[in-house]
Amino acid sequence: AVGFTMQLMTGAQVLRQLTKQGFRAQAGIDNNAVVRMFVDLHRTVSDLHSKKVQIGDFNLLGILFKSGTPFLIDADSFQFGQFACRSFTPRFVDPLQCPKDQLVLTGNHSEVTDWYAFSLMLFECLLYVAPYGGVLTGTLAKQVKPDLRPLHRLSVFHKDVRYPDKGTP
């Protein structure tokens, strides 16, 4: 039999918790602490990439943190050598690896797709809103389905997107 085990982590939180203002306030986690965690995570991702490993399905639920240290836990979606990863989370899939009309992975994961997902996670953890959050208004709202906004690059910075009140200005 071949496999691996991982030590049980008690008291850890899923990274998604950092996107919630209430949790962050209660836990006393400011943006400086978030940046330190992402600097640590950046080193880990860079180290994996130096070994020709891509994370693949990289998202807020595949990382735990404890005492300010992040831990990758979703190793079953890692991609390396001849072992391709076909799993993905639509919110974190690189739209350049998708057809023009749906957020479905048709290309391969790569270092670039990992950094794309990393950037989305950092953005949301710092600003409490996803890059494609908010509400699309105007004529574009009738033309583009909300979940397809990444394919059209209609981020919170677009003039027709109403930035959410919960987001950091």
N, C-alpha and C. Protein backbone atom coordinates (compact mmCIF):
# COMPACT_ATOMS: atom_id res chain seq x y z
N ALA A 1 0.84 -1.18 0.00
CA ALA A 1 0.00 0.00 0.00
C ALA A 1 0.89 1.24 0.00
N VAL A 2 0.42 2.26 -0.70
CA VAL A 2 1.15 3.51 -0.78
C VAL A 2 0.20 4.62 -0.35
N GLY A 3 0.71 5.57 0.39
CA GLY A 3 -0.12 6.70 0.82
C GLY A 3 0.67 7.59 1.74
N PHE A 4 -0.04 8.47 2.39
CA PHE A 4 0.61 9.34 3.35
C PHE A 4 -0.37 9.65 4.47
N THR A 5 0.19 10.09 5.56
CA THR A 5 -0.64 10.51 6.68
C THR A 5 -0.28 11.93 7.04
N MET A 6 -1.18 12.56 7.74
CA MET A 6 -0.95 13.93 8.17
C MET A 6 -1.30 14.01 9.65
N GLN A 7 -0.48 14.69 10.38
CA GLN A 7 -0.72 14.84 11.81
C GLN A 7 -2.02 15.60 12.03
N LEU A 8 -2.83 15.14 12.99
CA LEU A 8 -4.08 15.82 13.34
C LEU A 8 -3.77 17.18 13.93
N MET A 9 -4.42 18.19 13.41
CA MET A 9 -4.23 19.55 13.93
C MET A 9 -5.45 19.94 14.73
N THR A 10 -5.25 20.23 15.99
CA THR A 10 -6.36 20.72 16.80
C THR A 10 -6.23 22.23 16.95
N GLY A 11 -7.35 22.89 17.02
CA GLY A 11 -7.35 24.33 17.21
C GLY A 11 -7.03 25.15 15.98
N ALA A 12 -6.95 24.50 14.83
CA ALA A 12 -6.67 25.22 13.58
C ALA A 12 -7.97 25.71 12.97
N GLN A 13 -7.87 26.73 12.14
CA GLN A 13 -9.01 27.30 11.44
C GLN A 13 -8.78 27.20 9.94
N VAL A 14 -9.85 27.11 9.18
CA VAL A 14 -9.73 27.12 7.73
C VAL A 14 -9.48 28.57 7.29
N LEU A 15 -8.65 28.75 6.27
CA LEU A 15 -8.26 30.10 5.82
C LEU A 15 -9.47 30.97 5.49
N ARG A 16 -10.55 30.37 5.07
CA ARG A 16 -11.76 31.13 4.73
C ARG A 16 -12.22 32.02 5.89
N GLN A 17 -11.90 31.65 7.10
CA GLN A 17 -12.29 32.45 8.26
C GLN A 17 -11.70 33.86 8.20
N LEU A 18 -10.56 34.00 7.52
CA LEU A 18 -9.91 35.31 7.43
C LEU A 18 -10.68 36.28 6.54
N THR A 19 -11.68 35.79 5.82
CA THR A 19 -12.50 36.65 4.97
C THR A 19 -13.70 37.21 5.73
N LYS A 20 -13.81 36.87 7.01
CA LYS A 20 -14.97 37.27 7.82
C LYS A 20 -14.54 38.29 8.87
N GLN A 21 -15.10 39.50 8.76
CA GLN A 21 -14.74 40.57 9.68
C GLN A 21 -14.99 40.21 11.14
N GLY A 22 -16.12 39.60 11.42
CA GLY A 22 -16.45 39.23 12.80
C GLY A 22 -15.42 38.28 13.40
N PHE A 23 -15.05 37.26 12.67
CA PHE A 23 -14.04 36.32 13.15
C PHE A 23 -12.72 37.02 13.39
N ARG A 24 -12.31 37.83 12.42
CA ARG A 24 -11.02 38.52 12.54
C ARG A 24 -11.00 39.45 13.74
N ALA A 25 -12.10 40.18 13.95
CA ALA A 25 -12.17 41.10 15.09
C ALA A 25 -12.10 40.33 16.41
N GLN A 26 -12.85 39.26 16.49
CA GLN A 26 -12.88 38.45 17.72
C GLN A 26 -11.53 37.79 17.99
N ALA A 27 -10.86 37.35 16.93
CA ALA A 27 -9.58 36.67 17.09
C ALA A 27 -8.40 37.65 17.17
N GLY A 28 -8.66 38.94 16.93
CA GLY A 28 -7.59 39.93 16.98
C GLY A 28 -6.59 39.79 15.84
N ILE A 29 -7.08 39.42 14.67
CA ILE A 29 -6.21 39.23 13.50
C ILE A 29 -6.36 40.44 12.59
N ASP A 30 -5.31 41.26 12.51
CA ASP A 30 -5.36 42.43 11.63
C ASP A 30 -4.73 42.10 10.27
N ASN A 31 -4.75 43.07 9.37
CA ASN A 31 -4.19 42.83 8.03
C ASN A 31 -2.69 42.55 8.06
N ASN A 32 -1.98 43.08 9.05
CA ASN A 32 -0.54 42.78 9.16
C ASN A 32 -0.33 41.29 9.41
N ALA A 33 -1.17 40.70 10.27
CA ALA A 33 -1.07 39.26 10.54
C ALA A 33 -1.44 38.45 9.30
N VAL A 34 -2.45 38.92 8.57
CA VAL A 34 -2.84 38.24 7.33
C VAL A 34 -1.69 38.27 6.33
N VAL A 35 -1.06 39.42 6.19
CA VAL A 35 0.07 39.53 5.26
C VAL A 35 1.20 38.60 5.68
N ARG A 36 1.49 38.52 6.97
CA ARG A 36 2.55 37.60 7.43
C ARG A 36 2.21 36.15 7.06
N MET A 37 0.93 35.76 7.22
CA MET A 37 0.54 34.39 6.86
C MET A 37 0.71 34.16 5.36
N PHE A 38 0.34 35.15 4.56
CA PHE A 38 0.46 34.99 3.12
C PHE A 38 1.92 35.03 2.65
N VAL A 39 2.77 35.74 3.36
CA VAL A 39 4.21 35.70 3.04
C VAL A 39 4.72 34.28 3.30
N ASP A 40 4.31 33.69 4.41
CA ASP A 40 4.69 32.31 4.73
C ASP A 40 4.14 31.36 3.67
N LEU A 41 2.86 31.54 3.31
CA LEU A 41 2.24 30.70 2.29
C LEU A 41 2.95 30.88 0.94
N HIS A 42 3.36 32.10 0.63
CA HIS A 42 4.08 32.37 -0.62
C HIS A 42 5.37 31.56 -0.67
N ARG A 43 6.08 31.51 0.45
CA ARG A 43 7.32 30.71 0.51
C ARG A 43 7.02 29.23 0.24
N THR A 44 5.94 28.74 0.83
CA THR A 44 5.57 27.33 0.65
C THR A 44 5.23 27.05 -0.81
N VAL A 45 4.43 27.92 -1.41
CA VAL A 45 4.05 27.74 -2.81
C VAL A 45 5.28 27.80 -3.70
N SER A 46 6.15 28.77 -3.45
CA SER A 46 7.38 28.89 -4.24
C SER A 46 8.24 27.64 -4.10
N ASP A 47 8.32 27.10 -2.90
CA ASP A 47 9.10 25.88 -2.68
C ASP A 47 8.50 24.70 -3.43
N LEU A 48 7.18 24.56 -3.39
CA LEU A 48 6.53 23.49 -4.16
C LEU A 48 6.81 23.65 -5.65
N HIS A 49 6.68 24.88 -6.14
CA HIS A 49 6.93 25.13 -7.56
C HIS A 49 8.38 24.80 -7.94
N SER A 50 9.31 25.07 -7.05
CA SER A 50 10.72 24.75 -7.35
C SER A 50 10.94 23.25 -7.49
N LYS A 51 10.01 22.47 -6.93
CA LYS A 51 10.08 21.01 -7.03
C LYS A 51 9.14 20.49 -8.12
N LYS A 52 8.64 21.42 -8.97
CA LYS A 52 7.76 21.09 -10.10
C LYS A 52 6.42 20.50 -9.64
N VAL A 53 5.90 21.02 -8.52
CA VAL A 53 4.59 20.62 -8.01
C VAL A 53 3.67 21.82 -8.06
N GLN A 54 2.49 21.63 -8.62
CA GLN A 54 1.47 22.67 -8.60
C GLN A 54 0.37 22.24 -7.63
N ILE A 55 -0.29 23.20 -7.02
CA ILE A 55 -1.30 22.89 -6.02
C ILE A 55 -2.60 22.46 -6.68
N GLY A 56 -2.89 22.99 -7.85
CA GLY A 56 -4.09 22.58 -8.57
C GLY A 56 -5.33 23.24 -8.03
N ASP A 57 -6.12 22.51 -7.27
CA ASP A 57 -7.38 23.05 -6.72
C ASP A 57 -7.07 23.88 -5.48
N PHE A 58 -6.49 25.05 -5.70
CA PHE A 58 -6.00 25.94 -4.64
C PHE A 58 -7.13 26.90 -4.26
N ASN A 59 -7.59 26.81 -3.02
CA ASN A 59 -8.71 27.66 -2.58
C ASN A 59 -8.70 27.82 -1.07
N LEU A 60 -9.59 28.65 -0.56
CA LEU A 60 -9.64 29.01 0.86
C LEU A 60 -9.94 27.84 1.79
N LEU A 61 -10.44 26.74 1.27
CA LEU A 61 -10.77 25.59 2.11
C LEU A 61 -9.66 24.55 2.16
N GLY A 62 -8.61 24.73 1.37
CA GLY A 62 -7.50 23.78 1.35
C GLY A 62 -6.32 24.21 2.18
N ILE A 63 -6.53 25.22 3.03
CA ILE A 63 -5.46 25.75 3.86
C ILE A 63 -6.00 25.95 5.27
N LEU A 64 -5.29 25.42 6.24
CA LEU A 64 -5.60 25.69 7.65
C LEU A 64 -4.54 26.64 8.17
N PHE A 65 -4.90 27.37 9.23
CA PHE A 65 -3.88 28.17 9.91
C PHE A 65 -4.04 28.01 11.40
N LYS A 66 -2.91 28.10 12.06
CA LYS A 66 -2.88 27.98 13.51
C LYS A 66 -1.72 28.83 14.00
N SER A 67 -1.98 29.68 14.97
CA SER A 67 -0.96 30.56 15.54
C SER A 67 -0.22 31.33 14.45
N GLY A 68 -0.97 31.78 13.44
CA GLY A 68 -0.38 32.60 12.39
C GLY A 68 0.39 31.84 11.33
N THR A 69 0.37 30.52 11.37
CA THR A 69 1.08 29.71 10.40
C THR A 69 0.09 28.96 9.51
N PRO A 70 0.23 29.11 8.18
CA PRO A 70 -0.67 28.39 7.27
C PRO A 70 -0.15 26.98 6.96
N PHE A 71 -1.09 26.06 6.72
CA PHE A 71 -0.76 24.68 6.39
C PHE A 71 -1.63 24.24 5.22
N LEU A 72 -1.00 23.78 4.14
CA LEU A 72 -1.74 23.21 3.02
C LEU A 72 -2.23 21.83 3.41
N ILE A 73 -3.52 21.57 3.19
CA ILE A 73 -4.07 20.27 3.60
C ILE A 73 -4.67 19.48 2.46
N ASP A 74 -4.83 20.07 1.30
CA ASP A 74 -5.55 19.42 0.22
C ASP A 74 -4.58 18.82 -0.80
N ALA A 75 -3.65 18.01 -0.31
CA ALA A 75 -2.58 17.49 -1.16
C ALA A 75 -3.08 16.51 -2.22
N ASP A 76 -4.28 16.00 -2.08
CA ASP A 76 -4.78 15.07 -3.10
C ASP A 76 -5.04 15.76 -4.43
N SER A 77 -5.04 17.10 -4.44
CA SER A 77 -5.22 17.81 -5.71
C SER A 77 -3.89 18.38 -6.24
N PHE A 78 -2.79 18.04 -5.62
CA PHE A 78 -1.50 18.49 -6.14
C PHE A 78 -1.24 17.84 -7.49
N GLN A 79 -0.51 18.56 -8.34
CA GLN A 79 -0.19 18.08 -9.68
C GLN A 79 1.33 18.03 -9.81
N PHE A 80 1.83 16.91 -10.30
CA PHE A 80 3.28 16.78 -10.49
C PHE A 80 3.55 15.65 -11.47
N GLY A 81 4.68 15.77 -12.15
CA GLY A 81 5.07 14.73 -13.09
C GLY A 81 3.95 14.39 -14.06
N GLN A 82 3.67 13.12 -14.16
CA GLN A 82 2.61 12.65 -15.07
C GLN A 82 1.24 12.69 -14.41
N PHE A 83 1.16 13.13 -13.18
CA PHE A 83 -0.11 13.10 -12.44
C PHE A 83 -0.78 14.47 -12.51
N ALA A 84 -1.66 14.62 -13.48
CA ALA A 84 -2.38 15.88 -13.68
C ALA A 84 -3.53 16.00 -12.68
N CYS A 85 -3.85 17.21 -12.34
CA CYS A 85 -4.99 17.50 -11.47
C CYS A 85 -6.11 18.06 -12.35
N ARG A 86 -7.25 17.45 -12.33
CA ARG A 86 -8.39 17.94 -13.11
C ARG A 86 -9.43 18.60 -12.22
N SER A 87 -9.24 18.56 -10.91
CA SER A 87 -10.23 19.20 -10.02
C SER A 87 -9.95 20.69 -9.93
N PHE A 88 -11.00 21.44 -9.66
CA PHE A 88 -10.89 22.89 -9.54
C PHE A 88 -12.12 23.41 -8.81
N THR A 89 -12.00 24.61 -8.30
CA THR A 89 -13.12 25.32 -7.68
C THR A 89 -13.43 26.50 -8.61
N PRO A 90 -14.65 26.57 -9.15
CA PRO A 90 -14.95 27.61 -10.14
C PRO A 90 -14.55 29.02 -9.73
N ARG A 91 -14.74 29.38 -8.46
CA ARG A 91 -14.39 30.73 -8.01
C ARG A 91 -12.90 31.02 -8.09
N PHE A 92 -12.07 29.97 -8.11
CA PHE A 92 -10.62 30.15 -8.08
C PHE A 92 -9.92 29.65 -9.34
N VAL A 93 -10.70 29.22 -10.33
CA VAL A 93 -10.09 28.73 -11.57
C VAL A 93 -9.66 29.93 -12.42
N ASP A 94 -8.50 29.79 -13.03
CA ASP A 94 -7.98 30.84 -13.90
C ASP A 94 -8.83 30.90 -15.17
N PRO A 95 -9.50 32.04 -15.43
CA PRO A 95 -10.37 32.11 -16.61
C PRO A 95 -9.61 31.93 -17.92
N LEU A 96 -8.30 32.10 -17.91
CA LEU A 96 -7.53 31.87 -19.13
C LEU A 96 -7.42 30.39 -19.46
N GLN A 97 -7.78 29.53 -18.52
CA GLN A 97 -7.75 28.08 -18.73
C GLN A 97 -9.16 27.53 -18.95
N CYS A 98 -10.10 28.42 -19.27
CA CYS A 98 -11.50 28.05 -19.45
C CYS A 98 -11.98 28.47 -20.83
N PRO A 99 -13.05 27.83 -21.33
CA PRO A 99 -13.64 28.33 -22.57
C PRO A 99 -14.24 29.71 -22.32
N LYS A 100 -14.58 30.42 -23.38
CA LYS A 100 -15.06 31.80 -23.26
C LYS A 100 -16.44 31.93 -22.64
N ASP A 101 -17.17 30.81 -22.49
CA ASP A 101 -18.55 30.91 -22.04
C ASP A 101 -18.86 30.18 -20.73
N GLN A 102 -17.85 29.57 -20.10
CA GLN A 102 -18.11 28.90 -18.83
C GLN A 102 -16.83 28.74 -18.01
N LEU A 103 -17.00 28.77 -16.70
CA LEU A 103 -15.86 28.58 -15.80
C LEU A 103 -15.64 27.09 -15.57
N VAL A 104 -15.11 26.45 -16.58
CA VAL A 104 -14.80 25.03 -16.55
C VAL A 104 -13.35 24.88 -16.99
N LEU A 105 -12.57 24.22 -16.20
CA LEU A 105 -11.15 24.05 -16.52
C LEU A 105 -10.98 23.16 -17.75
N THR A 106 -10.40 23.72 -18.80
CA THR A 106 -10.09 22.93 -19.99
C THR A 106 -8.59 22.87 -20.22
N GLY A 107 -7.86 23.82 -19.66
CA GLY A 107 -6.41 23.80 -19.76
C GLY A 107 -5.83 23.05 -18.56
N ASN A 108 -4.56 23.22 -18.37
CA ASN A 108 -3.87 22.56 -17.26
C ASN A 108 -3.56 23.55 -16.15
N HIS A 109 -3.48 23.03 -14.94
CA HIS A 109 -2.98 23.83 -13.83
C HIS A 109 -1.50 24.10 -14.08
N SER A 110 -1.01 25.20 -13.53
CA SER A 110 0.39 25.56 -13.69
C SER A 110 0.78 26.44 -12.52
N GLU A 111 2.03 26.86 -12.50
CA GLU A 111 2.45 27.82 -11.48
C GLU A 111 1.61 29.09 -11.60
N VAL A 112 1.32 29.51 -12.82
CA VAL A 112 0.52 30.73 -13.04
C VAL A 112 -0.89 30.57 -12.46
N THR A 113 -1.51 29.42 -12.65
CA THR A 113 -2.86 29.24 -12.12
C THR A 113 -2.84 29.20 -10.59
N ASP A 114 -1.77 28.65 -10.02
CA ASP A 114 -1.64 28.68 -8.55
C ASP A 114 -1.53 30.12 -8.06
N TRP A 115 -0.72 30.93 -8.74
CA TRP A 115 -0.55 32.33 -8.31
C TRP A 115 -1.84 33.12 -8.52
N TYR A 116 -2.60 32.78 -9.55
CA TYR A 116 -3.90 33.43 -9.75
C TYR A 116 -4.80 33.17 -8.53
N ALA A 117 -4.91 31.91 -8.14
CA ALA A 117 -5.74 31.55 -6.98
C ALA A 117 -5.20 32.20 -5.70
N PHE A 118 -3.88 32.20 -5.53
CA PHE A 118 -3.24 32.83 -4.38
C PHE A 118 -3.66 34.31 -4.30
N SER A 119 -3.60 35.00 -5.43
CA SER A 119 -3.95 36.42 -5.48
C SER A 119 -5.41 36.66 -5.11
N LEU A 120 -6.30 35.80 -5.61
CA LEU A 120 -7.72 35.93 -5.25
C LEU A 120 -7.92 35.76 -3.76
N MET A 121 -7.25 34.78 -3.17
CA MET A 121 -7.39 34.54 -1.73
C MET A 121 -6.85 35.70 -0.92
N LEU A 122 -5.69 36.21 -1.28
CA LEU A 122 -5.10 37.34 -0.57
C LEU A 122 -6.02 38.56 -0.65
N PHE A 123 -6.52 38.84 -1.83
CA PHE A 123 -7.44 39.96 -2.04
C PHE A 123 -8.63 39.86 -1.09
N GLU A 124 -9.27 38.69 -1.08
CA GLU A 124 -10.47 38.52 -0.26
C GLU A 124 -10.16 38.57 1.24
N CYS A 125 -9.04 38.03 1.63
CA CYS A 125 -8.68 38.07 3.06
C CYS A 125 -8.35 39.49 3.53
N LEU A 126 -7.80 40.30 2.66
CA LEU A 126 -7.47 41.68 3.03
C LEU A 126 -8.67 42.62 2.96
N LEU A 127 -9.54 42.41 1.97
CA LEU A 127 -10.61 43.38 1.72
C LEU A 127 -12.01 42.90 2.11
N TYR A 128 -12.14 41.65 2.53
CA TYR A 128 -13.45 41.07 2.92
C TYR A 128 -14.42 40.99 1.77
N VAL A 129 -13.94 41.04 0.56
CA VAL A 129 -14.78 40.89 -0.63
C VAL A 129 -13.92 40.22 -1.70
N ALA A 130 -14.54 39.30 -2.44
CA ALA A 130 -13.83 38.63 -3.53
C ALA A 130 -13.62 39.60 -4.69
N PRO A 131 -12.59 39.39 -5.49
CA PRO A 131 -12.36 40.29 -6.61
C PRO A 131 -13.54 40.41 -7.57
N TYR A 132 -14.34 39.36 -7.65
CA TYR A 132 -15.52 39.42 -8.52
C TYR A 132 -16.80 39.47 -7.70
N GLY A 133 -16.68 40.02 -6.50
CA GLY A 133 -17.85 40.22 -5.64
C GLY A 133 -18.58 41.49 -6.04
N GLY A 134 -19.45 41.94 -5.18
CA GLY A 134 -20.24 43.11 -5.50
C GLY A 134 -21.36 42.76 -6.46
N VAL A 135 -22.06 43.79 -6.92
CA VAL A 135 -23.20 43.58 -7.80
C VAL A 135 -22.97 44.33 -9.11
N LEU A 136 -23.06 43.60 -10.19
CA LEU A 136 -22.95 44.21 -11.51
C LEU A 136 -24.26 44.92 -11.82
N THR A 137 -24.17 46.16 -12.26
CA THR A 137 -25.36 46.96 -12.56
C THR A 137 -25.35 47.38 -14.03
N GLY A 138 -26.35 48.11 -14.43
CA GLY A 138 -26.41 48.64 -15.80
C GLY A 138 -26.73 47.59 -16.84
N THR A 139 -26.45 47.91 -18.07
CA THR A 139 -26.79 47.02 -19.18
C THR A 139 -25.98 45.73 -19.15
N LEU A 140 -24.76 45.78 -18.61
CA LEU A 140 -23.94 44.56 -18.53
C LEU A 140 -24.57 43.50 -17.63
N ALA A 141 -25.32 43.94 -16.63
CA ALA A 141 -25.95 43.00 -15.71
C ALA A 141 -26.92 42.08 -16.44
N LYS A 142 -27.52 42.56 -17.51
CA LYS A 142 -28.45 41.74 -18.29
C LYS A 142 -27.72 40.83 -19.26
N GLN A 143 -26.49 41.17 -19.58
CA GLN A 143 -25.74 40.42 -20.59
C GLN A 143 -24.81 39.35 -19.99
N VAL A 144 -24.36 39.55 -18.75
CA VAL A 144 -23.37 38.66 -18.14
C VAL A 144 -23.93 38.06 -16.85
N LYS A 145 -23.97 36.73 -16.81
CA LYS A 145 -24.41 36.05 -15.59
C LYS A 145 -23.39 36.34 -14.48
N PRO A 146 -23.86 36.52 -13.24
CA PRO A 146 -22.94 36.87 -12.14
C PRO A 146 -21.75 35.92 -11.99
N ASP A 147 -21.98 34.62 -12.13
CA ASP A 147 -20.88 33.68 -11.93
C ASP A 147 -19.88 33.65 -13.10
N LEU A 148 -20.21 34.34 -14.21
CA LEU A 148 -19.30 34.38 -15.36
C LEU A 148 -18.51 35.69 -15.44
N ARG A 149 -18.64 36.54 -14.44
CA ARG A 149 -17.91 37.81 -14.46
C ARG A 149 -16.41 37.67 -14.62
N PRO A 150 -15.75 36.65 -14.03
CA PRO A 150 -14.31 36.53 -14.25
C PRO A 150 -13.94 36.36 -15.73
N LEU A 151 -14.78 35.70 -16.49
CA LEU A 151 -14.50 35.50 -17.92
C LEU A 151 -14.51 36.82 -18.68
N HIS A 152 -15.22 37.81 -18.14
CA HIS A 152 -15.34 39.12 -18.78
C HIS A 152 -14.53 40.20 -18.06
N ARG A 153 -13.78 39.77 -17.03
CA ARG A 153 -12.93 40.68 -16.24
C ARG A 153 -13.74 41.82 -15.62
N LEU A 154 -14.93 41.49 -15.12
CA LEU A 154 -15.80 42.49 -14.49
C LEU A 154 -15.63 42.42 -12.97
N SER A 155 -14.51 42.93 -12.51
CA SER A 155 -14.16 42.85 -11.09
C SER A 155 -14.81 43.99 -10.31
N VAL A 156 -14.54 44.02 -9.02
CA VAL A 156 -15.08 45.09 -8.17
C VAL A 156 -14.54 46.46 -8.58
N PHE A 157 -13.53 46.50 -9.42
CA PHE A 157 -12.98 47.78 -9.88
C PHE A 157 -13.68 48.32 -11.13
N HIS A 158 -14.56 47.52 -11.71
CA HIS A 158 -15.27 47.96 -12.91
C HIS A 158 -16.31 49.02 -12.52
N LYS A 159 -16.49 50.01 -13.37
CA LYS A 159 -17.39 51.13 -13.08
C LYS A 159 -18.84 50.70 -12.90
N ASP A 160 -19.23 49.56 -13.46
CA ASP A 160 -20.61 49.09 -13.34
C ASP A 160 -20.81 48.08 -12.22
N VAL A 161 -19.81 47.93 -11.37
CA VAL A 161 -19.94 47.02 -10.22
C VAL A 161 -20.08 47.85 -8.96
N ARG A 162 -21.14 47.56 -8.21
CA ARG A 162 -21.36 48.24 -6.92
C ARG A 162 -20.56 47.48 -5.86
N TYR A 163 -19.58 48.18 -5.30
CA TYR A 163 -18.70 47.59 -4.29
C TYR A 163 -19.51 47.33 -3.02
N PRO A 164 -19.38 46.16 -2.43
CA PRO A 164 -20.18 45.84 -1.23
C PRO A 164 -19.81 46.70 -0.02
N ASP A 165 -20.79 47.02 0.78
CA ASP A 165 -20.56 47.79 2.01
C ASP A 165 -19.60 47.08 2.95
N LYS A 166 -19.65 45.74 2.97
CA LYS A 166 -18.79 44.99 3.89
C LYS A 166 -17.33 45.04 3.50
N GLY A 167 -17.03 45.40 2.26
CA GLY A 167 -15.65 45.43 1.78
C GLY A 167 -14.89 46.62 2.31
N THR A 168 -13.60 46.40 2.52
CA THR A 168 -12.73 47.51 2.95
C THR A 168 -12.62 48.51 1.80
N PRO A 169 -12.84 49.80 2.10
CA PRO A 169 -12.75 50.82 1.02
C PRO A 169 -11.37 50.86 0.39
